Amino acid sequence: MNNKIESQLNHIDAQLEMLLSDLKQYSEEDLNRKPSSNAWSAIQLMHHLILAETLSLKYVQKKLSFNPPLKPIGIGTKFRLLLYRIYNVLPVKFKAPEGISGTNLPAYATFVETAEKWRTQRQQLRQYLSTLSADYFQKEIYKHPFAGRMSLQGMLFTFEGHVERHRKQFKKLLAH
């Protein structure tokens, strides 16, 4: 794993710890309260983010398990990352993919268990990336549901952006 990836992992882990520090001040009741029957609670939002990262890692692991031909990073990869950046700052709501929403989110969970689950997922991500050869970091491996093929660094960037996109939602949920 190169220094750039290590630095990005450190950055998203610091971002996670800041979010968890903000959220731990709320009661279990506040974190599990849904503002309406069709909305998510803060804990469900945390699980949505965990699932998105977990399924992304599983996708990469499965893809690399059969040694597929991989395209090198190119101008298209950079363009798709730019599209993701634009998508991520739009104030428009997008429907989450089925695998990371709906019945896949718990009706109730504790903050401590949820935070530990997220930290464990991040440790697994770091450990897996540390096992990959350097050439994988120059290939299009990850496939974002909306933006398409990206590098592993692009995947980490989407994790960061996803948390930031939902940070506003956390604040809104917990302001009530």
N, C-alpha and C. Protein backbone atom coordinates (compact mmCIF):
# COMPACT_ATOMS: atom_id res chain seq x y z
N MET A 1 0.85 -1.18 0.00
CA MET A 1 0.00 0.00 0.00
C MET A 1 0.90 1.23 0.00
N ASN A 2 0.59 2.18 -0.88
CA ASN A 2 1.44 3.36 -0.96
C ASN A 2 1.06 4.42 0.08
N ASN A 3 1.92 5.43 0.20
CA ASN A 3 1.72 6.48 1.19
C ASN A 3 0.45 7.27 0.97
N LYS A 4 0.07 7.46 -0.30
CA LYS A 4 -1.14 8.22 -0.62
C LYS A 4 -2.38 7.49 -0.10
N ILE A 5 -2.42 6.18 -0.29
CA ILE A 5 -3.55 5.38 0.19
C ILE A 5 -3.55 5.35 1.72
N GLU A 6 -2.40 5.16 2.30
CA GLU A 6 -2.28 5.17 3.77
C GLU A 6 -2.78 6.49 4.35
N SER A 7 -2.39 7.58 3.73
CA SER A 7 -2.82 8.91 4.17
C SER A 7 -4.33 9.07 4.03
N GLN A 8 -4.88 8.59 2.92
CA GLN A 8 -6.31 8.69 2.71
C GLN A 8 -7.07 7.83 3.73
N LEU A 9 -6.57 6.65 4.03
CA LEU A 9 -7.18 5.81 5.06
C LEU A 9 -7.15 6.51 6.42
N ASN A 10 -6.02 7.12 6.75
CA ASN A 10 -5.92 7.86 8.01
C ASN A 10 -6.93 9.01 8.04
N HIS A 11 -7.09 9.67 6.90
CA HIS A 11 -8.03 10.79 6.82
C HIS A 11 -9.47 10.33 7.03
N ILE A 12 -9.88 9.26 6.35
CA ILE A 12 -11.28 8.81 6.51
C ILE A 12 -11.51 8.22 7.90
N ASP A 13 -10.48 7.64 8.50
CA ASP A 13 -10.62 7.15 9.87
C ASP A 13 -10.77 8.31 10.85
N ALA A 14 -10.03 9.38 10.63
CA ALA A 14 -10.15 10.58 11.48
C ALA A 14 -11.54 11.20 11.30
N GLN A 15 -12.03 11.22 10.06
CA GLN A 15 -13.36 11.73 9.78
C GLN A 15 -14.40 10.90 10.54
N LEU A 16 -14.24 9.58 10.52
CA LEU A 16 -15.16 8.70 11.23
C LEU A 16 -15.14 8.98 12.73
N GLU A 17 -13.95 9.11 13.29
CA GLU A 17 -13.85 9.35 14.73
C GLU A 17 -14.48 10.69 15.12
N MET A 18 -14.36 11.70 14.27
CA MET A 18 -15.01 12.99 14.55
C MET A 18 -16.53 12.82 14.53
N LEU A 19 -17.04 12.08 13.55
CA LEU A 19 -18.48 11.85 13.48
C LEU A 19 -18.96 11.08 14.71
N LEU A 20 -18.24 10.02 15.07
CA LEU A 20 -18.64 9.24 16.23
C LEU A 20 -18.57 10.06 17.51
N SER A 21 -17.59 10.93 17.61
CA SER A 21 -17.49 11.81 18.77
C SER A 21 -18.69 12.75 18.85
N ASP A 22 -19.12 13.25 17.71
CA ASP A 22 -20.31 14.11 17.67
C ASP A 22 -21.57 13.34 18.07
N LEU A 23 -21.68 12.11 17.60
CA LEU A 23 -22.90 11.33 17.82
C LEU A 23 -23.00 10.73 19.22
N LYS A 24 -21.86 10.48 19.88
CA LYS A 24 -21.92 9.80 21.18
C LYS A 24 -22.55 10.65 22.28
N GLN A 25 -22.72 11.92 22.03
CA GLN A 25 -23.34 12.78 23.03
C GLN A 25 -24.87 12.61 23.11
N TYR A 26 -25.44 11.91 22.13
CA TYR A 26 -26.89 11.74 22.09
C TYR A 26 -27.29 10.43 22.76
N SER A 27 -28.50 10.40 23.25
CA SER A 27 -29.01 9.19 23.91
C SER A 27 -29.35 8.13 22.86
N GLU A 28 -29.47 6.90 23.32
CA GLU A 28 -29.88 5.80 22.43
C GLU A 28 -31.25 6.11 21.84
N GLU A 29 -32.12 6.70 22.65
CA GLU A 29 -33.45 7.06 22.17
C GLU A 29 -33.38 8.08 21.03
N ASP A 30 -32.56 9.11 21.22
CA ASP A 30 -32.40 10.12 20.16
C ASP A 30 -31.83 9.52 18.89
N LEU A 31 -30.83 8.67 19.03
CA LEU A 31 -30.17 8.07 17.86
C LEU A 31 -31.07 7.09 17.12
N ASN A 32 -32.01 6.48 17.82
CA ASN A 32 -32.90 5.50 17.19
C ASN A 32 -34.26 6.08 16.80
N ARG A 33 -34.47 7.35 17.07
CA ARG A 33 -35.75 7.99 16.74
C ARG A 33 -35.82 8.30 15.25
N LYS A 34 -36.92 7.88 14.65
CA LYS A 34 -37.17 8.18 13.24
C LYS A 34 -38.09 9.41 13.19
N PRO A 35 -37.74 10.41 12.40
CA PRO A 35 -38.59 11.60 12.33
C PRO A 35 -39.96 11.33 11.70
N SER A 36 -40.05 10.28 10.89
CA SER A 36 -41.31 9.85 10.30
C SER A 36 -41.20 8.37 9.97
N SER A 37 -42.32 7.76 9.65
CA SER A 37 -42.32 6.31 9.41
C SER A 37 -41.48 5.90 8.20
N ASN A 38 -41.33 6.79 7.23
CA ASN A 38 -40.55 6.43 6.02
C ASN A 38 -39.15 7.04 6.02
N ALA A 39 -38.72 7.58 7.15
CA ALA A 39 -37.38 8.17 7.25
C ALA A 39 -36.49 7.26 8.09
N TRP A 40 -35.19 7.48 7.99
CA TRP A 40 -34.23 6.71 8.77
C TRP A 40 -33.88 7.45 10.05
N SER A 41 -33.55 6.68 11.07
CA SER A 41 -32.99 7.24 12.30
C SER A 41 -31.49 7.46 12.08
N ALA A 42 -30.84 8.14 13.03
CA ALA A 42 -29.39 8.36 12.93
C ALA A 42 -28.64 7.03 12.95
N ILE A 43 -29.10 6.09 13.78
CA ILE A 43 -28.45 4.77 13.84
C ILE A 43 -28.63 4.05 12.50
N GLN A 44 -29.81 4.14 11.91
CA GLN A 44 -30.03 3.51 10.61
C GLN A 44 -29.15 4.16 9.55
N LEU A 45 -28.96 5.45 9.64
CA LEU A 45 -28.07 6.15 8.71
C LEU A 45 -26.64 5.66 8.89
N MET A 46 -26.22 5.44 10.12
CA MET A 46 -24.89 4.87 10.36
C MET A 46 -24.77 3.50 9.71
N HIS A 47 -25.80 2.68 9.87
CA HIS A 47 -25.78 1.34 9.29
C HIS A 47 -25.79 1.40 7.76
N HIS A 48 -26.47 2.37 7.20
CA HIS A 48 -26.45 2.58 5.75
C HIS A 48 -25.01 2.83 5.28
N LEU A 49 -24.30 3.68 5.98
CA LEU A 49 -22.91 4.00 5.62
C LEU A 49 -22.00 2.78 5.80
N ILE A 50 -22.20 2.05 6.89
CA ILE A 50 -21.41 0.84 7.13
C ILE A 50 -21.65 -0.18 6.02
N LEU A 51 -22.91 -0.39 5.69
CA LEU A 51 -23.25 -1.36 4.63
C LEU A 51 -22.65 -0.95 3.29
N ALA A 52 -22.71 0.33 2.98
CA ALA A 52 -22.15 0.80 1.71
C ALA A 52 -20.65 0.48 1.65
N GLU A 53 -19.94 0.74 2.73
CA GLU A 53 -18.50 0.47 2.75
C GLU A 53 -18.22 -1.03 2.76
N THR A 54 -18.99 -1.79 3.52
CA THR A 54 -18.80 -3.23 3.60
C THR A 54 -19.03 -3.90 2.25
N LEU A 55 -20.12 -3.53 1.59
CA LEU A 55 -20.43 -4.13 0.29
C LEU A 55 -19.44 -3.69 -0.78
N SER A 56 -18.92 -2.48 -0.66
CA SER A 56 -17.88 -2.03 -1.59
C SER A 56 -16.62 -2.88 -1.45
N LEU A 57 -16.22 -3.11 -0.22
CA LEU A 57 -15.05 -3.95 0.02
C LEU A 57 -15.30 -5.37 -0.48
N LYS A 58 -16.46 -5.93 -0.20
CA LYS A 58 -16.78 -7.29 -0.68
C LYS A 58 -16.75 -7.35 -2.20
N TYR A 59 -17.22 -6.29 -2.85
CA TYR A 59 -17.19 -6.25 -4.31
C TYR A 59 -15.74 -6.33 -4.81
N VAL A 60 -14.88 -5.52 -4.21
CA VAL A 60 -13.46 -5.51 -4.62
C VAL A 60 -12.83 -6.87 -4.35
N GLN A 61 -13.10 -7.45 -3.19
CA GLN A 61 -12.53 -8.75 -2.85
C GLN A 61 -12.98 -9.82 -3.85
N LYS A 62 -14.26 -9.82 -4.17
CA LYS A 62 -14.77 -10.81 -5.11
C LYS A 62 -14.17 -10.60 -6.50
N LYS A 63 -14.12 -9.33 -6.93
CA LYS A 63 -13.59 -9.03 -8.26
C LYS A 63 -12.15 -9.51 -8.38
N LEU A 64 -11.35 -9.23 -7.37
CA LEU A 64 -9.94 -9.61 -7.44
C LEU A 64 -9.71 -11.09 -7.19
N SER A 65 -10.72 -11.81 -6.71
CA SER A 65 -10.55 -13.22 -6.40
C SER A 65 -10.38 -14.09 -7.65
N PHE A 66 -10.82 -13.61 -8.80
CA PHE A 66 -10.70 -14.42 -10.01
C PHE A 66 -9.74 -13.81 -11.03
N ASN A 67 -8.91 -12.90 -10.58
CA ASN A 67 -7.85 -12.32 -11.41
C ASN A 67 -8.35 -11.83 -12.78
N PRO A 68 -9.32 -10.91 -12.78
CA PRO A 68 -9.89 -10.45 -14.05
C PRO A 68 -8.96 -9.48 -14.76
N PRO A 69 -9.18 -9.28 -16.05
CA PRO A 69 -8.43 -8.23 -16.73
C PRO A 69 -8.94 -6.87 -16.22
N LEU A 70 -8.02 -5.99 -15.90
CA LEU A 70 -8.39 -4.69 -15.34
C LEU A 70 -7.84 -3.56 -16.20
N LYS A 71 -8.65 -2.54 -16.41
CA LYS A 71 -8.20 -1.38 -17.17
C LYS A 71 -7.34 -0.49 -16.28
N PRO A 72 -6.31 0.11 -16.85
CA PRO A 72 -5.53 1.07 -16.07
C PRO A 72 -6.33 2.37 -15.88
N ILE A 73 -5.98 3.09 -14.83
CA ILE A 73 -6.60 4.39 -14.58
C ILE A 73 -6.30 5.29 -15.78
N GLY A 74 -7.32 6.00 -16.22
CA GLY A 74 -7.15 6.90 -17.36
C GLY A 74 -8.00 8.14 -17.19
N ILE A 75 -8.17 8.87 -18.26
CA ILE A 75 -8.95 10.10 -18.23
C ILE A 75 -10.41 9.80 -17.89
N GLY A 76 -10.93 8.65 -18.35
CA GLY A 76 -12.30 8.27 -18.02
C GLY A 76 -12.48 8.07 -16.53
N THR A 77 -11.48 7.48 -15.88
CA THR A 77 -11.54 7.26 -14.43
C THR A 77 -11.63 8.60 -13.72
N LYS A 78 -10.81 9.54 -14.15
CA LYS A 78 -10.81 10.86 -13.53
C LYS A 78 -12.12 11.60 -13.79
N PHE A 79 -12.68 11.41 -14.98
CA PHE A 79 -13.96 12.04 -15.31
C PHE A 79 -15.08 11.48 -14.43
N ARG A 80 -15.09 10.17 -14.21
CA ARG A 80 -16.11 9.56 -13.37
C ARG A 80 -15.99 10.03 -11.92
N LEU A 81 -14.76 10.24 -11.46
CA LEU A 81 -14.57 10.77 -10.11
C LEU A 81 -15.10 12.20 -10.03
N LEU A 82 -14.88 12.97 -11.09
CA LEU A 82 -15.43 14.33 -11.15
C LEU A 82 -16.96 14.27 -11.13
N LEU A 83 -17.55 13.34 -11.88
CA LEU A 83 -19.01 13.18 -11.86
C LEU A 83 -19.49 12.85 -10.45
N TYR A 84 -18.74 12.00 -9.76
CA TYR A 84 -19.12 11.66 -8.39
C TYR A 84 -19.08 12.91 -7.51
N ARG A 85 -18.05 13.71 -7.66
CA ARG A 85 -17.95 14.93 -6.85
C ARG A 85 -19.14 15.84 -7.09
N ILE A 86 -19.54 15.97 -8.34
CA ILE A 86 -20.70 16.81 -8.67
C ILE A 86 -21.96 16.20 -8.06
N TYR A 87 -22.15 14.92 -8.27
CA TYR A 87 -23.31 14.20 -7.71
C TYR A 87 -23.38 14.39 -6.21
N ASN A 88 -22.23 14.33 -5.56
CA ASN A 88 -22.18 14.35 -4.11
C ASN A 88 -22.54 15.71 -3.52
N VAL A 89 -22.32 16.78 -4.24
CA VAL A 89 -22.63 18.11 -3.70
C VAL A 89 -24.03 18.60 -4.10
N LEU A 90 -24.69 17.88 -4.99
CA LEU A 90 -26.04 18.29 -5.38
C LEU A 90 -26.98 18.18 -4.19
N PRO A 91 -27.85 19.15 -4.02
CA PRO A 91 -28.79 19.11 -2.89
C PRO A 91 -29.98 18.19 -3.15
N VAL A 92 -29.91 17.42 -4.21
CA VAL A 92 -30.99 16.52 -4.59
C VAL A 92 -30.84 15.19 -3.85
N LYS A 93 -31.97 14.64 -3.37
CA LYS A 93 -31.92 13.33 -2.73
C LYS A 93 -31.94 12.25 -3.80
N PHE A 94 -31.16 11.21 -3.58
CA PHE A 94 -31.12 10.06 -4.46
C PHE A 94 -31.55 8.84 -3.66
N LYS A 95 -32.30 7.97 -4.28
CA LYS A 95 -32.73 6.75 -3.61
C LYS A 95 -31.52 5.82 -3.45
N ALA A 96 -31.33 5.35 -2.23
CA ALA A 96 -30.23 4.43 -1.95
C ALA A 96 -30.50 3.09 -2.60
N PRO A 97 -29.45 2.42 -3.08
CA PRO A 97 -29.63 1.06 -3.62
C PRO A 97 -30.25 0.14 -2.56
N GLU A 98 -31.02 -0.82 -3.00
CA GLU A 98 -31.76 -1.71 -2.11
C GLU A 98 -30.88 -2.40 -1.07
N GLY A 99 -29.69 -2.80 -1.43
CA GLY A 99 -28.82 -3.54 -0.51
C GLY A 99 -28.36 -2.75 0.69
N ILE A 100 -28.48 -1.42 0.63
CA ILE A 100 -28.00 -0.58 1.74
C ILE A 100 -29.12 0.31 2.28
N SER A 101 -30.33 -0.19 2.19
CA SER A 101 -31.48 0.58 2.70
C SER A 101 -32.57 -0.38 3.14
N GLY A 102 -33.73 0.16 3.43
CA GLY A 102 -34.90 -0.64 3.74
C GLY A 102 -34.72 -1.65 4.86
N THR A 103 -35.07 -2.89 4.58
CA THR A 103 -35.04 -3.94 5.59
C THR A 103 -33.62 -4.34 5.98
N ASN A 104 -32.63 -3.85 5.27
CA ASN A 104 -31.23 -4.15 5.63
C ASN A 104 -30.74 -3.27 6.78
N LEU A 105 -31.55 -2.31 7.17
CA LEU A 105 -31.19 -1.42 8.28
C LEU A 105 -31.94 -1.87 9.52
N PRO A 106 -31.26 -1.93 10.67
CA PRO A 106 -31.93 -2.41 11.88
C PRO A 106 -32.98 -1.42 12.38
N ALA A 107 -34.04 -1.95 12.99
CA ALA A 107 -35.06 -1.09 13.59
C ALA A 107 -34.51 -0.40 14.83
N TYR A 108 -33.59 -1.08 15.53
CA TYR A 108 -32.98 -0.52 16.74
C TYR A 108 -31.58 -1.11 16.87
N ALA A 109 -30.64 -0.29 17.26
CA ALA A 109 -29.27 -0.74 17.54
C ALA A 109 -28.65 0.22 18.54
N THR A 110 -27.65 -0.24 19.26
CA THR A 110 -26.97 0.65 20.20
C THR A 110 -25.86 1.40 19.48
N PHE A 111 -25.54 2.54 20.03
CA PHE A 111 -24.47 3.35 19.45
C PHE A 111 -23.13 2.63 19.58
N VAL A 112 -22.85 2.08 20.75
CA VAL A 112 -21.56 1.43 20.99
C VAL A 112 -21.34 0.27 20.01
N GLU A 113 -22.35 -0.57 19.84
CA GLU A 113 -22.22 -1.71 18.91
C GLU A 113 -22.06 -1.23 17.47
N THR A 114 -22.81 -0.21 17.12
CA THR A 114 -22.75 0.31 15.76
C THR A 114 -21.40 0.95 15.48
N ALA A 115 -20.90 1.73 16.42
CA ALA A 115 -19.59 2.36 16.25
C ALA A 115 -18.50 1.30 16.13
N GLU A 116 -18.58 0.27 16.95
CA GLU A 116 -17.58 -0.81 16.91
C GLU A 116 -17.66 -1.56 15.58
N LYS A 117 -18.86 -1.77 15.09
CA LYS A 117 -19.03 -2.44 13.80
C LYS A 117 -18.37 -1.62 12.69
N TRP A 118 -18.53 -0.31 12.73
CA TRP A 118 -17.94 0.56 11.71
C TRP A 118 -16.42 0.56 11.81
N ARG A 119 -15.91 0.65 13.03
CA ARG A 119 -14.45 0.62 13.21
C ARG A 119 -13.88 -0.72 12.73
N THR A 120 -14.57 -1.81 13.01
CA THR A 120 -14.12 -3.13 12.56
C THR A 120 -14.11 -3.19 11.05
N GLN A 121 -15.14 -2.65 10.42
CA GLN A 121 -15.19 -2.64 8.96
C GLN A 121 -13.98 -1.88 8.41
N ARG A 122 -13.67 -0.74 9.01
CA ARG A 122 -12.53 0.06 8.55
C ARG A 122 -11.21 -0.69 8.76
N GLN A 123 -11.08 -1.42 9.85
CA GLN A 123 -9.87 -2.22 10.08
C GLN A 123 -9.74 -3.30 9.01
N GLN A 124 -10.85 -3.93 8.66
CA GLN A 124 -10.84 -4.95 7.61
C GLN A 124 -10.45 -4.35 6.27
N LEU A 125 -10.95 -3.17 5.99
CA LEU A 125 -10.60 -2.47 4.75
C LEU A 125 -9.10 -2.20 4.71
N ARG A 126 -8.58 -1.63 5.78
CA ARG A 126 -7.15 -1.31 5.84
C ARG A 126 -6.31 -2.57 5.70
N GLN A 127 -6.71 -3.62 6.39
CA GLN A 127 -5.95 -4.86 6.34
C GLN A 127 -5.96 -5.43 4.92
N TYR A 128 -7.12 -5.44 4.29
CA TYR A 128 -7.20 -5.99 2.93
C TYR A 128 -6.36 -5.18 1.95
N LEU A 129 -6.49 -3.87 2.01
CA LEU A 129 -5.73 -3.03 1.08
C LEU A 129 -4.22 -3.21 1.29
N SER A 130 -3.82 -3.49 2.52
CA SER A 130 -2.39 -3.67 2.79
C SER A 130 -1.84 -4.94 2.16
N THR A 131 -2.72 -5.87 1.78
CA THR A 131 -2.26 -7.13 1.17
C THR A 131 -2.13 -7.04 -0.35
N LEU A 132 -2.64 -5.96 -0.94
CA LEU A 132 -2.65 -5.85 -2.40
C LEU A 132 -1.33 -5.34 -2.95
N SER A 133 -0.97 -5.82 -4.11
CA SER A 133 0.25 -5.34 -4.76
C SER A 133 0.02 -3.93 -5.30
N ALA A 134 1.08 -3.18 -5.46
CA ALA A 134 1.02 -1.78 -5.85
C ALA A 134 0.31 -1.57 -7.19
N ASP A 135 0.41 -2.51 -8.11
CA ASP A 135 -0.19 -2.31 -9.43
C ASP A 135 -1.72 -2.25 -9.37
N TYR A 136 -2.33 -2.86 -8.36
CA TYR A 136 -3.79 -2.79 -8.24
C TYR A 136 -4.27 -1.36 -7.98
N PHE A 137 -3.43 -0.55 -7.39
CA PHE A 137 -3.83 0.82 -7.07
C PHE A 137 -3.81 1.72 -8.30
N GLN A 138 -3.36 1.20 -9.41
CA GLN A 138 -3.33 1.94 -10.68
C GLN A 138 -4.36 1.39 -11.67
N LYS A 139 -5.32 0.62 -11.17
CA LYS A 139 -6.32 -0.02 -12.02
C LYS A 139 -7.73 0.41 -11.61
N GLU A 140 -8.66 0.27 -12.57
CA GLU A 140 -10.07 0.48 -12.28
C GLU A 140 -10.62 -0.82 -11.71
N ILE A 141 -10.87 -0.82 -10.42
CA ILE A 141 -11.33 -2.03 -9.74
C ILE A 141 -12.72 -1.85 -9.16
N TYR A 142 -12.92 -0.75 -8.48
CA TYR A 142 -14.18 -0.47 -7.78
C TYR A 142 -15.23 0.04 -8.76
N LYS A 143 -16.47 -0.36 -8.52
CA LYS A 143 -17.58 0.13 -9.35
C LYS A 143 -18.61 0.81 -8.46
N HIS A 144 -18.66 2.14 -8.55
CA HIS A 144 -19.65 2.91 -7.80
C HIS A 144 -21.01 2.74 -8.47
N PRO A 145 -22.10 2.62 -7.69
CA PRO A 145 -23.41 2.39 -8.28
C PRO A 145 -23.88 3.47 -9.26
N PHE A 146 -23.44 4.71 -9.08
CA PHE A 146 -23.87 5.79 -9.96
C PHE A 146 -22.76 6.29 -10.88
N ALA A 147 -21.55 6.35 -10.36
CA ALA A 147 -20.45 6.96 -11.12
C ALA A 147 -19.66 5.97 -11.97
N GLY A 148 -19.79 4.68 -11.69
CA GLY A 148 -19.09 3.69 -12.50
C GLY A 148 -17.71 3.33 -11.97
N ARG A 149 -16.86 2.83 -12.86
CA ARG A 149 -15.53 2.29 -12.50
C ARG A 149 -14.59 3.36 -11.96
N MET A 150 -13.91 2.99 -10.89
CA MET A 150 -12.94 3.87 -10.24
C MET A 150 -11.77 3.05 -9.74
N SER A 151 -10.75 3.77 -9.33
CA SER A 151 -9.60 3.15 -8.68
C SER A 151 -9.94 2.89 -7.21
N LEU A 152 -9.06 2.20 -6.52
CA LEU A 152 -9.25 1.99 -5.09
C LEU A 152 -9.17 3.31 -4.34
N GLN A 153 -8.33 4.20 -4.80
CA GLN A 153 -8.27 5.53 -4.19
C GLN A 153 -9.59 6.26 -4.41
N GLY A 154 -10.19 6.10 -5.58
CA GLY A 154 -11.50 6.68 -5.85
C GLY A 154 -12.55 6.12 -4.91
N MET A 155 -12.46 4.82 -4.62
CA MET A 155 -13.38 4.20 -3.68
C MET A 155 -13.28 4.87 -2.31
N LEU A 156 -12.04 5.08 -1.85
CA LEU A 156 -11.86 5.73 -0.55
C LEU A 156 -12.40 7.16 -0.58
N PHE A 157 -12.23 7.83 -1.70
CA PHE A 157 -12.77 9.17 -1.84
C PHE A 157 -14.30 9.15 -1.74
N THR A 158 -14.94 8.11 -2.33
CA THR A 158 -16.40 8.03 -2.24
C THR A 158 -16.84 7.75 -0.80
N PHE A 159 -16.05 6.99 -0.05
CA PHE A 159 -16.39 6.77 1.36
C PHE A 159 -16.39 8.10 2.11
N GLU A 160 -15.35 8.89 1.88
CA GLU A 160 -15.26 10.20 2.53
C GLU A 160 -16.44 11.07 2.13
N GLY A 161 -16.71 11.14 0.84
CA GLY A 161 -17.81 11.98 0.35
C GLY A 161 -19.16 11.52 0.84
N HIS A 162 -19.35 10.22 0.96
CA HIS A 162 -20.62 9.67 1.42
C HIS A 162 -20.89 10.09 2.86
N VAL A 163 -19.87 10.00 3.71
CA VAL A 163 -20.03 10.42 5.10
C VAL A 163 -20.34 11.92 5.15
N GLU A 164 -19.61 12.70 4.37
CA GLU A 164 -19.84 14.15 4.37
C GLU A 164 -21.24 14.49 3.87
N ARG A 165 -21.68 13.80 2.85
CA ARG A 165 -23.03 14.04 2.30
C ARG A 165 -24.08 13.81 3.38
N HIS A 166 -23.90 12.76 4.18
CA HIS A 166 -24.90 12.43 5.20
C HIS A 166 -24.68 13.18 6.51
N ARG A 167 -23.56 13.86 6.68
CA ARG A 167 -23.31 14.62 7.93
C ARG A 167 -24.44 15.63 8.17
N LYS A 168 -24.87 16.30 7.11
CA LYS A 168 -25.96 17.28 7.23
C LYS A 168 -27.25 16.58 7.68
N GLN A 169 -27.45 15.38 7.17
CA GLN A 169 -28.64 14.62 7.53
C GLN A 169 -28.61 14.23 9.01
N PHE A 170 -27.44 13.85 9.51
CA PHE A 170 -27.30 13.54 10.93
C PHE A 170 -27.70 14.76 11.76
N LYS A 171 -27.17 15.92 11.40
CA LYS A 171 -27.47 17.13 12.16
C LYS A 171 -28.96 17.42 12.16
N LYS A 172 -29.58 17.27 11.00
CA LYS A 172 -31.02 17.53 10.88
C LYS A 172 -31.83 16.54 11.71
N LEU A 173 -31.46 15.26 11.64
CA LEU A 173 -32.17 14.23 12.41
C LEU A 173 -32.10 14.48 13.91
N LEU A 174 -30.94 14.91 14.37
CA LEU A 174 -30.72 15.03 15.80
C LEU A 174 -31.08 16.41 16.36
N ALA A 175 -31.44 17.34 15.47
CA ALA A 175 -31.82 18.68 15.91
C ALA A 175 -33.25 18.69 16.45
N HIS A 176 -34.01 17.66 16.13
CA HIS A 176 -35.43 17.63 16.56
C HIS A 176 -35.56 17.21 17.98
